[in-house]
Amino acid sequence: MQPKDVKKVWDVVKNLVKNALVLEKEFGKPQDIEGGIKNGQLYFWQARNIVKKFH
């Protein structure tokens, strides 16, 4: 992976975390999120509450 590619991946990961936290705040609970990335654009198509805690 080239350094410029690492920056692109890092930007997508930061966007994913930011948006996942928005969903968690909106729904009031941690979310199990399904989605994908196409051409650097992040898409969520399903989110549901996490119902079991893992230790």
Protein backbone atom coordinates (compact mmCIF):
# COMPACT_ATOMS: atom_id res chain seq x y z
CA MET A 1 0.00 0.00 0.00
CA GLN A 2 1.34 3.42 -0.94
CA PRO A 3 1.46 6.27 1.61
CA LYS A 4 -1.23 8.20 -0.30
CA ASP A 5 -3.47 5.12 -0.11
CA VAL A 6 -2.92 4.88 3.65
CA LYS A 7 -4.11 8.48 4.02
CA LYS A 8 -7.25 7.69 2.01
CA VAL A 9 -7.97 4.64 4.15
CA TRP A 10 -7.33 6.62 7.34
CA ASP A 11 -9.76 9.34 6.18
CA VAL A 12 -12.45 6.72 5.54
CA VAL A 13 -11.87 5.11 8.95
CA LYS A 14 -12.14 8.48 10.72
CA ASN A 15 -15.38 9.16 8.82
CA LEU A 16 -16.71 5.72 9.80
CA VAL A 17 -16.00 6.30 13.49
CA LYS A 18 -17.49 9.80 13.41
CA ASN A 19 -20.70 8.58 11.80
CA ALA A 20 -20.94 5.47 14.00
CA LEU A 21 -20.82 7.72 17.06
CA VAL A 22 -23.61 9.87 15.60
CA LEU A 23 -25.76 6.75 15.12
CA GLU A 24 -25.02 5.59 18.66
CA LYS A 25 -26.02 8.98 20.04
CA GLU A 26 -29.17 9.11 17.90
CA PHE A 27 -30.36 5.64 18.95
CA GLY A 28 -29.10 5.93 22.55
CA LYS A 29 -27.21 2.62 22.47
CA PRO A 30 -24.16 1.11 20.75
CA GLN A 31 -25.05 -0.07 17.25
CA ASP A 32 -24.23 -3.11 15.14
CA ILE A 33 -23.76 -1.36 11.80
CA GLU A 34 -23.74 -2.82 8.30
CA GLY A 35 -22.50 -0.80 5.40
CA GLY A 36 -19.90 -0.44 2.75
CA ILE A 37 -17.52 1.86 0.95
CA LYS A 38 -17.63 2.67 -2.74
CA ASN A 39 -15.24 5.12 -4.37
CA GLY A 40 -14.25 6.40 -0.94
CA GLN A 41 -17.88 7.15 -0.01
CA LEU A 42 -19.23 5.55 3.17
CA TYR A 43 -22.72 4.00 3.15
CA PHE A 44 -24.74 2.56 6.03
CA TRP A 45 -27.68 0.39 5.10
CA GLN A 46 -28.61 -1.12 8.44
CA ALA A 47 -28.08 -0.45 12.14
CA ARG A 48 -29.50 -2.24 15.14
CA ASN A 49 -28.88 -2.10 18.88
CA ILE A 50 -26.21 -4.37 20.28
CA VAL A 51 -28.10 -6.52 22.76
CA LYS A 52 -25.35 -8.66 24.28
CA LYS A 53 -22.22 -7.44 26.00
CA PHE A 54 -18.99 -9.30 25.36
CA HIS A 55 -16.31 -9.40 28.03
